[in-house]
Amino acid sequence: MALHVLDLVGIFVFGITGALVGVRKQLDVFGIQVLALVTGLGGGFIRDVLIGATPPAALKDWRYLVVPIVAGLVTFFLHPGIERLERLVNIFDAAGLGLFCVTGALKAVSYGLSPLSAALLGTISGIGGGVIRDLLSGRVPVVLRREIYATPAFLGATIVVVAAALDYHALWVSYAAVLTCFTIRLLAIRRGWNAPLPRTH
């Protein structure tokens, strides 16, 4: 139940990030809803297909489809001033990244994947929807830029995977993993932490 709730919260949060990007790009309500849907569900779709959980959860449970639609509508009607959107996108995106990397890793563990594979699946769950969102909106995906993005997701996923490997399933571990990913991602944005670039001559 806790995993299910976290999954839905992650979908809602990522749906908001997709919708906010749509608002910034001045898309209509349909375009905003499309970005909310693909951002909220994209990572989960990729995760479920890779672990063989088909059809994906979003196609079996109506709540998985309704949640990003609600997120898109809420954002469409209640989005703040344009000058504040960039900060909000970053905050919601970091929250969604933390939630999805943890739920993705835990689901992979429940399907019997090895710790490393589960951590990688958790990372893909976290970054997948954002990559699709950025491609559809004409932006270079965040994960392909210099910004520290996939690393916090992998770290958050690793925390819950290691705890599961040690047969320790306390709920606070998941919360701590989400908070760790969220905090590192926001610090990377605020302090300008970037991945190394190749030297140019």
N, C-alpha and C. Protein backbone atom coordinates (compact mmCIF):
# COMPACT_ATOMS: atom_id res chain seq x y z
N MET A 1 0.83 -1.20 0.00
CA MET A 1 0.00 0.00 0.00
C MET A 1 0.87 1.26 0.00
N ALA A 2 1.92 1.26 0.83
CA ALA A 2 2.81 2.43 0.88
C ALA A 2 3.48 2.64 -0.47
N LEU A 3 3.92 1.56 -1.12
CA LEU A 3 4.55 1.66 -2.43
C LEU A 3 3.57 2.22 -3.46
N HIS A 4 2.33 1.76 -3.39
CA HIS A 4 1.31 2.22 -4.33
C HIS A 4 1.04 3.71 -4.15
N VAL A 5 0.93 4.15 -2.90
CA VAL A 5 0.67 5.57 -2.63
C VAL A 5 1.85 6.43 -3.10
N LEU A 6 3.08 5.99 -2.82
CA LEU A 6 4.25 6.73 -3.27
C LEU A 6 4.29 6.82 -4.79
N ASP A 7 3.92 5.74 -5.46
CA ASP A 7 3.90 5.72 -6.91
C ASP A 7 2.93 6.77 -7.45
N LEU A 8 1.72 6.83 -6.87
CA LEU A 8 0.72 7.80 -7.32
C LEU A 8 1.16 9.24 -7.02
N VAL A 9 1.78 9.44 -5.87
CA VAL A 9 2.27 10.78 -5.54
C VAL A 9 3.36 11.19 -6.53
N GLY A 10 4.25 10.25 -6.87
CA GLY A 10 5.28 10.55 -7.84
C GLY A 10 4.71 10.91 -9.20
N ILE A 11 3.67 10.18 -9.62
CA ILE A 11 3.01 10.48 -10.89
C ILE A 11 2.41 11.87 -10.87
N PHE A 12 1.76 12.22 -9.76
CA PHE A 12 1.14 13.55 -9.65
C PHE A 12 2.20 14.65 -9.71
N VAL A 13 3.28 14.46 -8.98
CA VAL A 13 4.33 15.48 -8.94
C VAL A 13 4.98 15.63 -10.31
N PHE A 14 5.30 14.51 -10.96
CA PHE A 14 5.89 14.60 -12.29
C PHE A 14 4.89 15.16 -13.30
N GLY A 15 3.60 14.83 -13.11
CA GLY A 15 2.59 15.42 -13.98
C GLY A 15 2.59 16.93 -13.91
N ILE A 16 2.78 17.47 -12.71
CA ILE A 16 2.86 18.93 -12.54
C ILE A 16 4.07 19.49 -13.28
N THR A 17 5.22 18.79 -13.21
CA THR A 17 6.40 19.30 -13.90
C THR A 17 6.17 19.34 -15.41
N GLY A 18 5.53 18.30 -15.94
CA GLY A 18 5.24 18.29 -17.37
C GLY A 18 4.30 19.40 -17.76
N ALA A 19 3.26 19.59 -16.95
CA ALA A 19 2.29 20.65 -17.24
C ALA A 19 2.93 22.03 -17.14
N LEU A 20 3.81 22.23 -16.17
CA LEU A 20 4.48 23.53 -16.03
C LEU A 20 5.37 23.83 -17.23
N VAL A 21 6.04 22.80 -17.74
CA VAL A 21 6.84 23.00 -18.96
C VAL A 21 5.92 23.39 -20.11
N GLY A 22 4.75 22.74 -20.19
CA GLY A 22 3.77 23.09 -21.22
C GLY A 22 3.31 24.53 -21.10
N VAL A 23 3.09 25.01 -19.87
CA VAL A 23 2.69 26.40 -19.65
C VAL A 23 3.79 27.34 -20.13
N ARG A 24 5.04 27.02 -19.80
CA ARG A 24 6.16 27.86 -20.20
C ARG A 24 6.33 27.90 -21.71
N LYS A 25 5.97 26.80 -22.36
CA LYS A 25 6.06 26.74 -23.82
C LYS A 25 4.80 27.29 -24.49
N GLN A 26 3.86 27.76 -23.67
CA GLN A 26 2.60 28.36 -24.15
C GLN A 26 1.78 27.37 -25.00
N LEU A 27 1.73 26.13 -24.54
CA LEU A 27 0.91 25.13 -25.20
C LEU A 27 -0.55 25.30 -24.78
N ASP A 28 -1.47 24.73 -25.58
CA ASP A 28 -2.87 24.78 -25.19
C ASP A 28 -3.15 23.70 -24.15
N VAL A 29 -4.40 23.61 -23.71
CA VAL A 29 -4.73 22.68 -22.63
C VAL A 29 -4.45 21.24 -23.03
N PHE A 30 -4.65 20.89 -24.31
CA PHE A 30 -4.37 19.53 -24.74
C PHE A 30 -2.88 19.23 -24.69
N GLY A 31 -2.06 20.17 -25.17
CA GLY A 31 -0.62 19.97 -25.12
C GLY A 31 -0.10 19.86 -23.70
N ILE A 32 -0.67 20.66 -22.81
CA ILE A 32 -0.27 20.60 -21.40
C ILE A 32 -0.64 19.24 -20.81
N GLN A 33 -1.81 18.72 -21.16
CA GLN A 33 -2.22 17.42 -20.65
C GLN A 33 -1.32 16.30 -21.19
N VAL A 34 -0.94 16.40 -22.46
CA VAL A 34 -0.04 15.39 -23.04
C VAL A 34 1.28 15.36 -22.29
N LEU A 35 1.85 16.54 -22.02
CA LEU A 35 3.12 16.58 -21.29
C LEU A 35 2.96 16.07 -19.86
N ALA A 36 1.83 16.38 -19.23
CA ALA A 36 1.58 15.87 -17.88
C ALA A 36 1.50 14.34 -17.89
N LEU A 37 0.84 13.77 -18.88
CA LEU A 37 0.68 12.32 -18.97
C LEU A 37 2.01 11.61 -19.22
N VAL A 38 2.77 12.09 -20.21
CA VAL A 38 4.01 11.39 -20.55
C VAL A 38 5.06 11.56 -19.46
N THR A 39 5.05 12.72 -18.80
CA THR A 39 6.01 12.93 -17.72
C THR A 39 5.66 12.07 -16.51
N GLY A 40 4.37 12.01 -16.19
CA GLY A 40 3.95 11.23 -15.03
C GLY A 40 4.03 9.74 -15.24
N LEU A 41 3.80 9.28 -16.46
CA LEU A 41 3.70 7.84 -16.70
C LEU A 41 4.86 7.24 -17.48
N GLY A 42 5.67 8.09 -18.13
CA GLY A 42 6.72 7.57 -19.00
C GLY A 42 7.72 6.67 -18.30
N GLY A 43 8.24 7.12 -17.16
CA GLY A 43 9.21 6.31 -16.43
C GLY A 43 8.63 4.99 -15.96
N GLY A 44 7.38 5.03 -15.50
CA GLY A 44 6.71 3.80 -15.05
C GLY A 44 6.46 2.83 -16.19
N PHE A 45 6.09 3.35 -17.36
CA PHE A 45 5.91 2.50 -18.54
C PHE A 45 7.21 1.77 -18.88
N ILE A 46 8.30 2.52 -18.95
CA ILE A 46 9.60 1.93 -19.28
C ILE A 46 9.98 0.87 -18.25
N ARG A 47 9.81 1.21 -16.98
CA ARG A 47 10.13 0.28 -15.89
C ARG A 47 9.34 -1.02 -16.02
N ASP A 48 8.02 -0.90 -16.18
CA ASP A 48 7.17 -2.09 -16.21
C ASP A 48 7.46 -2.97 -17.41
N VAL A 49 7.72 -2.36 -18.56
CA VAL A 49 8.04 -3.14 -19.75
C VAL A 49 9.36 -3.89 -19.55
N LEU A 50 10.36 -3.25 -18.98
CA LEU A 50 11.67 -3.87 -18.81
C LEU A 50 11.65 -5.02 -17.81
N ILE A 51 10.79 -4.93 -16.78
CA ILE A 51 10.75 -6.02 -15.79
C ILE A 51 9.67 -7.04 -16.12
N GLY A 52 8.95 -6.83 -17.22
CA GLY A 52 7.93 -7.80 -17.63
C GLY A 52 6.61 -7.66 -16.91
N ALA A 53 6.37 -6.50 -16.30
CA ALA A 53 5.10 -6.26 -15.61
C ALA A 53 4.12 -5.68 -16.62
N THR A 54 3.64 -6.53 -17.51
CA THR A 54 2.76 -6.07 -18.58
C THR A 54 1.36 -6.67 -18.44
N PRO A 55 0.33 -5.91 -18.87
CA PRO A 55 0.42 -4.52 -19.31
C PRO A 55 0.86 -3.61 -18.16
N PRO A 56 1.49 -2.46 -18.48
CA PRO A 56 1.96 -1.55 -17.43
C PRO A 56 0.83 -1.16 -16.47
N ALA A 57 1.24 -0.83 -15.25
CA ALA A 57 0.26 -0.51 -14.20
C ALA A 57 -0.70 0.59 -14.63
N ALA A 58 -0.21 1.55 -15.42
CA ALA A 58 -1.05 2.66 -15.84
C ALA A 58 -2.21 2.22 -16.71
N LEU A 59 -2.09 1.06 -17.35
CA LEU A 59 -3.16 0.57 -18.21
C LEU A 59 -4.09 -0.40 -17.47
N LYS A 60 -3.72 -0.78 -16.27
CA LYS A 60 -4.55 -1.71 -15.49
C LYS A 60 -5.35 -1.01 -14.39
N ASP A 61 -4.87 0.13 -13.95
CA ASP A 61 -5.49 0.84 -12.84
C ASP A 61 -5.85 2.25 -13.30
N TRP A 62 -7.14 2.56 -13.31
CA TRP A 62 -7.60 3.86 -13.82
C TRP A 62 -7.01 5.03 -13.06
N ARG A 63 -6.62 4.82 -11.82
CA ARG A 63 -6.07 5.92 -11.03
C ARG A 63 -4.76 6.43 -11.61
N TYR A 64 -3.99 5.55 -12.25
CA TYR A 64 -2.72 5.96 -12.83
C TYR A 64 -2.92 6.90 -14.01
N LEU A 65 -4.05 6.84 -14.66
CA LEU A 65 -4.35 7.75 -15.75
C LEU A 65 -5.00 9.04 -15.25
N VAL A 66 -5.85 8.92 -14.24
CA VAL A 66 -6.56 10.08 -13.72
C VAL A 66 -5.61 11.04 -13.00
N VAL A 67 -4.65 10.51 -12.25
CA VAL A 67 -3.78 11.37 -11.44
C VAL A 67 -3.01 12.39 -12.28
N PRO A 68 -2.31 12.00 -13.38
CA PRO A 68 -1.63 13.03 -14.16
C PRO A 68 -2.58 13.98 -14.89
N ILE A 69 -3.78 13.50 -15.24
CA ILE A 69 -4.77 14.39 -15.86
C ILE A 69 -5.18 15.47 -14.86
N VAL A 70 -5.42 15.07 -13.62
CA VAL A 70 -5.77 16.04 -12.57
C VAL A 70 -4.61 17.01 -12.36
N ALA A 71 -3.39 16.49 -12.34
CA ALA A 71 -2.21 17.35 -12.16
C ALA A 71 -2.13 18.38 -13.28
N GLY A 72 -2.41 17.94 -14.51
CA GLY A 72 -2.38 18.86 -15.64
C GLY A 72 -3.44 19.93 -15.55
N LEU A 73 -4.65 19.54 -15.15
CA LEU A 73 -5.73 20.52 -15.03
C LEU A 73 -5.47 21.51 -13.90
N VAL A 74 -4.99 21.00 -12.77
CA VAL A 74 -4.69 21.89 -11.64
C VAL A 74 -3.64 22.92 -12.05
N THR A 75 -2.60 22.44 -12.75
CA THR A 75 -1.55 23.35 -13.18
C THR A 75 -2.05 24.34 -14.21
N PHE A 76 -2.90 23.89 -15.12
CA PHE A 76 -3.44 24.76 -16.16
C PHE A 76 -4.20 25.94 -15.57
N PHE A 77 -5.00 25.66 -14.54
CA PHE A 77 -5.84 26.71 -13.97
C PHE A 77 -5.16 27.50 -12.85
N LEU A 78 -4.18 26.89 -12.18
CA LEU A 78 -3.62 27.54 -10.98
C LEU A 78 -2.14 27.85 -11.08
N HIS A 79 -1.55 27.75 -12.27
CA HIS A 79 -0.11 27.98 -12.36
C HIS A 79 0.23 29.41 -11.94
N PRO A 80 1.38 29.59 -11.29
CA PRO A 80 1.79 30.92 -10.82
C PRO A 80 2.32 31.78 -11.97
N GLY A 81 2.85 32.94 -11.63
CA GLY A 81 3.39 33.83 -12.65
C GLY A 81 4.55 33.18 -13.39
N ILE A 82 4.72 33.55 -14.64
CA ILE A 82 5.76 32.95 -15.48
C ILE A 82 7.14 33.08 -14.85
N GLU A 83 7.41 34.17 -14.20
CA GLU A 83 8.74 34.38 -13.64
C GLU A 83 9.07 33.40 -12.52
N ARG A 84 8.07 32.74 -11.95
CA ARG A 84 8.32 31.80 -10.85
C ARG A 84 8.31 30.36 -11.32
N LEU A 85 8.00 30.11 -12.57
CA LEU A 85 7.83 28.74 -13.02
C LEU A 85 9.12 27.93 -13.01
N GLU A 86 10.23 28.54 -13.38
CA GLU A 86 11.48 27.79 -13.45
C GLU A 86 11.84 27.18 -12.10
N ARG A 87 11.68 27.98 -11.05
CA ARG A 87 11.99 27.48 -9.71
C ARG A 87 11.04 26.35 -9.32
N LEU A 88 9.75 26.52 -9.63
CA LEU A 88 8.78 25.49 -9.28
C LEU A 88 9.02 24.21 -10.07
N VAL A 89 9.35 24.34 -11.35
CA VAL A 89 9.64 23.15 -12.15
C VAL A 89 10.79 22.37 -11.53
N ASN A 90 11.83 23.06 -11.12
CA ASN A 90 12.98 22.39 -10.52
C ASN A 90 12.62 21.68 -9.22
N ILE A 91 11.81 22.34 -8.39
CA ILE A 91 11.43 21.75 -7.10
C ILE A 91 10.56 20.51 -7.31
N PHE A 92 9.53 20.64 -8.16
CA PHE A 92 8.65 19.49 -8.40
C PHE A 92 9.39 18.37 -9.13
N ASP A 93 10.27 18.73 -10.03
CA ASP A 93 11.02 17.72 -10.75
C ASP A 93 11.93 16.94 -9.81
N ALA A 94 12.57 17.64 -8.89
CA ALA A 94 13.44 16.97 -7.92
C ALA A 94 12.63 16.04 -7.01
N ALA A 95 11.43 16.49 -6.62
CA ALA A 95 10.56 15.65 -5.80
C ALA A 95 10.11 14.41 -6.56
N GLY A 96 9.70 14.60 -7.81
CA GLY A 96 9.30 13.45 -8.61
C GLY A 96 10.44 12.49 -8.85
N LEU A 97 11.62 13.03 -9.08
CA LEU A 97 12.80 12.19 -9.28
C LEU A 97 13.04 11.31 -8.06
N GLY A 98 12.96 11.91 -6.86
CA GLY A 98 13.17 11.14 -5.65
C GLY A 98 12.11 10.07 -5.44
N LEU A 99 10.86 10.41 -5.66
CA LEU A 99 9.78 9.44 -5.48
C LEU A 99 9.87 8.29 -6.46
N PHE A 100 10.14 8.60 -7.73
CA PHE A 100 10.12 7.56 -8.75
C PHE A 100 11.34 6.65 -8.69
N CYS A 101 12.50 7.20 -8.35
CA CYS A 101 13.67 6.32 -8.27
C CYS A 101 13.50 5.29 -7.17
N VAL A 102 12.84 5.68 -6.09
CA VAL A 102 12.61 4.76 -4.97
C VAL A 102 11.54 3.72 -5.31
N THR A 103 10.39 4.18 -5.81
CA THR A 103 9.32 3.22 -6.14
C THR A 103 9.74 2.29 -7.27
N GLY A 104 10.48 2.83 -8.24
CA GLY A 104 10.95 1.99 -9.34
C GLY A 104 11.91 0.91 -8.87
N ALA A 105 12.83 1.29 -7.98
CA ALA A 105 13.78 0.31 -7.45
C ALA A 105 13.07 -0.75 -6.61
N LEU A 106 12.12 -0.33 -5.79
CA LEU A 106 11.40 -1.29 -4.94
C LEU A 106 10.58 -2.27 -5.78
N LYS A 107 9.97 -1.78 -6.85
CA LYS A 107 9.19 -2.67 -7.71
C LYS A 107 10.11 -3.65 -8.42
N ALA A 108 11.28 -3.18 -8.85
CA ALA A 108 12.25 -4.07 -9.49
C ALA A 108 12.72 -5.15 -8.52
N VAL A 109 12.93 -4.77 -7.27
CA VAL A 109 13.32 -5.75 -6.24
C VAL A 109 12.22 -6.78 -6.06
N SER A 110 10.97 -6.32 -6.04
CA SER A 110 9.85 -7.25 -5.84
C SER A 110 9.71 -8.24 -7.00
N TYR A 111 10.28 -7.91 -8.18
CA TYR A 111 10.25 -8.80 -9.32
C TYR A 111 11.52 -9.66 -9.41
N GLY A 112 12.33 -9.62 -8.36
CA GLY A 112 13.47 -10.52 -8.27
C GLY A 112 14.73 -10.08 -8.97
N LEU A 113 14.84 -8.81 -9.34
CA LEU A 113 16.06 -8.34 -9.99
C LEU A 113 17.20 -8.23 -8.99
N SER A 114 18.42 -8.33 -9.50
CA SER A 114 19.60 -8.18 -8.66
C SER A 114 19.67 -6.75 -8.14
N PRO A 115 20.42 -6.52 -7.05
CA PRO A 115 20.51 -5.16 -6.50
C PRO A 115 20.95 -4.11 -7.53
N LEU A 116 21.98 -4.42 -8.32
CA LEU A 116 22.46 -3.45 -9.30
C LEU A 116 21.40 -3.18 -10.36
N SER A 117 20.78 -4.24 -10.86
CA SER A 117 19.74 -4.07 -11.88
C SER A 117 18.56 -3.28 -11.32
N ALA A 118 18.19 -3.55 -10.08
CA ALA A 118 17.08 -2.82 -9.46
C ALA A 118 17.41 -1.34 -9.31
N ALA A 119 18.66 -1.04 -8.92
CA ALA A 119 19.07 0.36 -8.79
C ALA A 119 19.03 1.07 -10.14
N LEU A 120 19.47 0.38 -11.19
CA LEU A 120 19.42 0.97 -12.53
C LEU A 120 17.99 1.19 -12.99
N LEU A 121 17.11 0.22 -12.68
CA LEU A 121 15.69 0.38 -13.04
C LEU A 121 15.06 1.54 -12.29
N GLY A 122 15.46 1.70 -11.03
CA GLY A 122 14.96 2.84 -10.27
C GLY A 122 15.40 4.16 -10.89
N THR A 123 16.64 4.21 -11.35
CA THR A 123 17.14 5.41 -12.00
C THR A 123 16.37 5.71 -13.28
N ILE A 124 16.15 4.67 -14.08
CA ILE A 124 15.40 4.84 -15.33
C ILE A 124 13.97 5.30 -15.04
N SER A 125 13.38 4.74 -13.99
CA SER A 125 12.02 5.17 -13.60
C SER A 125 11.98 6.65 -13.29
N GLY A 126 13.05 7.14 -12.65
CA GLY A 126 13.10 8.54 -12.26
C GLY A 126 13.33 9.49 -13.42
N ILE A 127 14.16 9.10 -14.37
CA ILE A 127 14.54 10.03 -15.43
C ILE A 127 13.74 9.84 -16.72
N GLY A 128 13.05 8.70 -16.87
CA GLY A 128 12.40 8.38 -18.14
C GLY A 128 11.34 9.38 -18.56
N GLY A 129 10.42 9.71 -17.64
CA GLY A 129 9.35 10.64 -17.98
C GLY A 129 9.88 12.03 -18.32
N GLY A 130 10.90 12.47 -17.60
CA GLY A 130 11.48 13.78 -17.87
C GLY A 130 12.15 13.85 -19.22
N VAL A 131 12.80 12.74 -19.63
CA VAL A 131 13.43 12.71 -20.95
C VAL A 131 12.38 12.84 -22.05
N ILE A 132 11.28 12.08 -21.92
CA ILE A 132 10.21 12.16 -22.92
C ILE A 132 9.60 13.57 -22.94
N ARG A 133 9.37 14.13 -21.76
CA ARG A 133 8.83 15.50 -21.65
C ARG A 133 9.71 16.51 -22.38
N ASP A 134 11.01 16.44 -22.13
CA ASP A 134 11.91 17.42 -22.73
C ASP A 134 11.99 17.25 -24.24
N LEU A 135 11.99 16.01 -24.72
CA LEU A 135 12.04 15.79 -26.16
C LEU A 135 10.78 16.33 -26.84
N LEU A 136 9.62 16.08 -26.24
CA LEU A 136 8.38 16.56 -26.84
C LEU A 136 8.27 18.08 -26.81
N SER A 137 8.87 18.70 -25.81
CA SER A 137 8.77 20.16 -25.68
C SER A 137 9.93 20.89 -26.36
N GLY A 138 10.78 20.14 -27.05
CA GLY A 138 11.86 20.77 -27.80
C GLY A 138 13.04 21.21 -26.97
N ARG A 139 13.26 20.55 -25.80
CA ARG A 139 14.40 20.89 -24.96
C ARG A 139 15.39 19.74 -24.96
N VAL A 140 16.66 20.06 -24.78
CA VAL A 140 17.65 19.00 -24.58
C VAL A 140 17.37 18.38 -23.22
N PRO A 141 17.19 17.05 -23.15
CA PRO A 141 16.87 16.43 -21.86
C PRO A 141 17.87 16.81 -20.77
N VAL A 142 17.35 17.07 -19.59
CA VAL A 142 18.20 17.49 -18.48
C VAL A 142 19.30 16.48 -18.22
N VAL A 143 18.99 15.19 -18.35
CA VAL A 143 19.96 14.15 -18.02
C VAL A 143 21.15 14.17 -18.99
N LEU A 144 21.00 14.77 -20.16
CA LEU A 144 22.09 14.82 -21.13
C LEU A 144 22.91 16.09 -21.02
N ARG A 145 22.49 17.00 -20.15
CA ARG A 145 23.26 18.22 -19.95
C ARG A 145 24.28 17.99 -18.84
N ARG A 146 25.00 19.05 -18.50
CA ARG A 146 26.04 18.91 -17.48
C ARG A 146 25.47 18.73 -16.08
N GLU A 147 24.22 19.09 -15.89
CA GLU A 147 23.65 19.10 -14.54
C GLU A 147 23.65 17.70 -13.91
N ILE A 148 23.85 17.68 -12.59
CA ILE A 148 23.77 16.43 -11.83
C ILE A 148 22.31 16.04 -11.72
N TYR A 149 21.89 14.98 -12.40
CA TYR A 149 20.48 14.59 -12.43
C TYR A 149 20.30 13.09 -12.18
N ALA A 150 20.96 12.27 -13.00
CA ALA A 150 20.80 10.83 -12.83
C ALA A 150 21.50 10.32 -11.57
N THR A 151 22.58 10.98 -11.18
CA THR A 151 23.34 10.52 -10.01
C THR A 151 22.52 10.51 -8.72
N PRO A 152 21.77 11.59 -8.40
CA PRO A 152 20.93 11.53 -7.19
C PRO A 152 19.88 10.42 -7.27
N ALA A 153 19.33 10.19 -8.48
CA ALA A 153 18.34 9.13 -8.64
C ALA A 153 18.96 7.76 -8.36
N PHE A 154 20.16 7.54 -8.87
CA PHE A 154 20.84 6.27 -8.64
C PHE A 154 21.17 6.08 -7.17
N LEU A 155 21.57 7.16 -6.51
CA LEU A 155 21.89 7.08 -5.08
C LEU A 155 20.64 6.75 -4.27
N GLY A 156 19.53 7.44 -4.56
CA GLY A 156 18.28 7.15 -3.84
C GLY A 156 17.83 5.73 -4.05
N ALA A 157 17.92 5.25 -5.31
CA ALA A 157 17.53 3.87 -5.60
C ALA A 157 18.44 2.89 -4.88
N THR A 158 19.73 3.20 -4.83
CA THR A 158 20.69 2.30 -4.19
C THR A 158 20.40 2.14 -2.70
N ILE A 159 19.98 3.21 -2.05
CA ILE A 159 19.70 3.15 -0.61
C ILE A 159 18.63 2.10 -0.31
N VAL A 160 17.52 2.14 -1.05
CA VAL A 160 16.44 1.19 -0.76
C VAL A 160 16.80 -0.22 -1.23
N VAL A 161 17.59 -0.31 -2.30
CA VAL A 161 18.00 -1.63 -2.79
C VAL A 161 18.92 -2.32 -1.78
N VAL A 162 19.86 -1.58 -1.24
CA VAL A 162 20.77 -2.14 -0.24
C VAL A 162 20.00 -2.56 1.01
N ALA A 163 19.06 -1.72 1.44
CA ALA A 163 18.25 -2.06 2.60
C ALA A 163 17.44 -3.33 2.34
N ALA A 164 16.88 -3.46 1.14
CA ALA A 164 16.11 -4.66 0.79
C ALA A 164 17.01 -5.88 0.75
N ALA A 165 18.24 -5.73 0.25
CA ALA A 165 19.18 -6.85 0.20
C ALA A 165 19.55 -7.33 1.59
N LEU A 166 19.52 -6.39 2.54
CA LEU A 166 19.79 -6.74 3.94
C LEU A 166 18.53 -7.17 4.68
N ASP A 167 17.44 -7.31 3.91
CA ASP A 167 16.14 -7.73 4.45
C ASP A 167 15.62 -6.76 5.50
N TYR A 168 15.85 -5.48 5.24
CA TYR A 168 15.37 -4.42 6.13
C TYR A 168 14.38 -3.59 5.33
N HIS A 169 13.11 -3.60 5.74
CA HIS A 169 12.06 -3.00 4.93
C HIS A 169 11.30 -1.89 5.66
N ALA A 170 11.95 -1.21 6.60
CA ALA A 170 11.29 -0.13 7.32
C ALA A 170 10.92 1.00 6.36
N LEU A 171 9.75 1.58 6.57
CA LEU A 171 9.25 2.61 5.66
C LEU A 171 10.12 3.86 5.68
N TRP A 172 10.75 4.13 6.82
CA TRP A 172 11.56 5.34 6.92
C TRP A 172 12.74 5.32 5.95
N VAL A 173 13.19 4.11 5.58
CA VAL A 173 14.31 4.01 4.63
C VAL A 173 13.90 4.59 3.28
N SER A 174 12.68 4.29 2.85
CA SER A 174 12.19 4.84 1.58
C SER A 174 12.09 6.36 1.65
N TYR A 175 11.56 6.87 2.76
CA TYR A 175 11.47 8.32 2.92
C TYR A 175 12.85 8.97 2.92
N ALA A 176 13.80 8.33 3.59
CA ALA A 176 15.16 8.86 3.64
C ALA A 176 15.79 8.86 2.24
N ALA A 177 15.52 7.82 1.47
CA ALA A 177 16.06 7.74 0.11
C ALA A 177 15.48 8.83 -0.78
N VAL A 178 14.17 9.05 -0.67
CA VAL A 178 13.53 10.13 -1.43
C VAL A 178 14.13 11.47 -1.05
N LEU A 179 14.27 11.71 0.24
CA LEU A 179 14.81 12.98 0.72
C LEU A 179 16.25 13.18 0.28
N THR A 180 17.03 12.11 0.27
CA THR A 180 18.43 12.20 -0.16
C THR A 180 18.52 12.62 -1.62
N CYS A 181 17.76 11.95 -2.47
CA CYS A 181 17.75 12.29 -3.89
C CYS A 181 17.28 13.72 -4.10
N PHE A 182 16.19 14.08 -3.45
CA PHE A 182 15.61 15.41 -3.58
C PHE A 182 16.60 16.49 -3.16
N THR A 183 17.26 16.29 -2.03
CA THR A 183 18.18 17.29 -1.49
C THR A 183 19.40 17.46 -2.39
N ILE A 184 19.98 16.35 -2.83
CA ILE A 184 21.17 16.44 -3.69
C ILE A 184 20.84 17.13 -5.00
N ARG A 185 19.68 16.79 -5.56
CA ARG A 185 19.29 17.42 -6.83
C ARG A 185 19.11 18.93 -6.67
N LEU A 186 18.46 19.36 -5.59
CA LEU A 186 18.26 20.80 -5.39
C LEU A 186 19.59 21.51 -5.09
N LEU A 187 20.46 20.85 -4.34
CA LEU A 187 21.77 21.44 -4.07
C LEU A 187 22.58 21.59 -5.36
N ALA A 188 22.46 20.59 -6.23
CA ALA A 188 23.18 20.65 -7.51
C ALA A 188 22.70 21.84 -8.34
N ILE A 189 21.39 22.11 -8.29
CA ILE A 189 20.85 23.25 -9.03
C ILE A 189 21.31 24.56 -8.40
N ARG A 190 21.19 24.64 -7.08
CA ARG A 190 21.49 25.89 -6.38
C ARG A 190 22.98 26.23 -6.46
N ARG A 191 23.84 25.22 -6.34
CA ARG A 191 25.27 25.46 -6.27
C ARG A 191 25.98 25.26 -7.60
N GLY A 192 25.21 24.88 -8.61
CA GLY A 192 25.80 24.73 -9.94
C GLY A 192 26.70 23.54 -10.09
N TRP A 193 26.40 22.45 -9.37
CA TRP A 193 27.21 21.24 -9.52
C TRP A 193 26.95 20.62 -10.89
N ASN A 194 28.01 20.32 -11.62
CA ASN A 194 27.89 19.77 -12.95
C ASN A 194 28.78 18.54 -13.11
N ALA A 195 28.39 17.67 -14.02
CA ALA A 195 29.23 16.53 -14.37
C ALA A 195 30.40 17.03 -15.20
N PRO A 196 31.53 16.29 -15.18
CA PRO A 196 32.72 16.72 -15.95
C PRO A 196 32.44 16.74 -17.45
N LEU A 197 33.07 17.68 -18.13
CA LEU A 197 33.00 17.78 -19.59
C LEU A 197 34.33 17.38 -20.19
N PRO A 198 34.34 16.87 -21.42
CA PRO A 198 35.62 16.55 -22.06
C PRO A 198 36.41 17.83 -22.33
N ARG A 199 37.72 17.74 -22.27
CA ARG A 199 38.57 18.90 -22.52
C ARG A 199 38.54 19.22 -24.02
N THR A 200 38.52 20.49 -24.32
CA THR A 200 38.56 20.92 -25.71
C THR A 200 39.87 21.67 -25.95
N HIS A 201 40.39 21.53 -27.13
CA HIS A 201 41.67 22.18 -27.47
C HIS A 201 41.42 23.40 -28.34
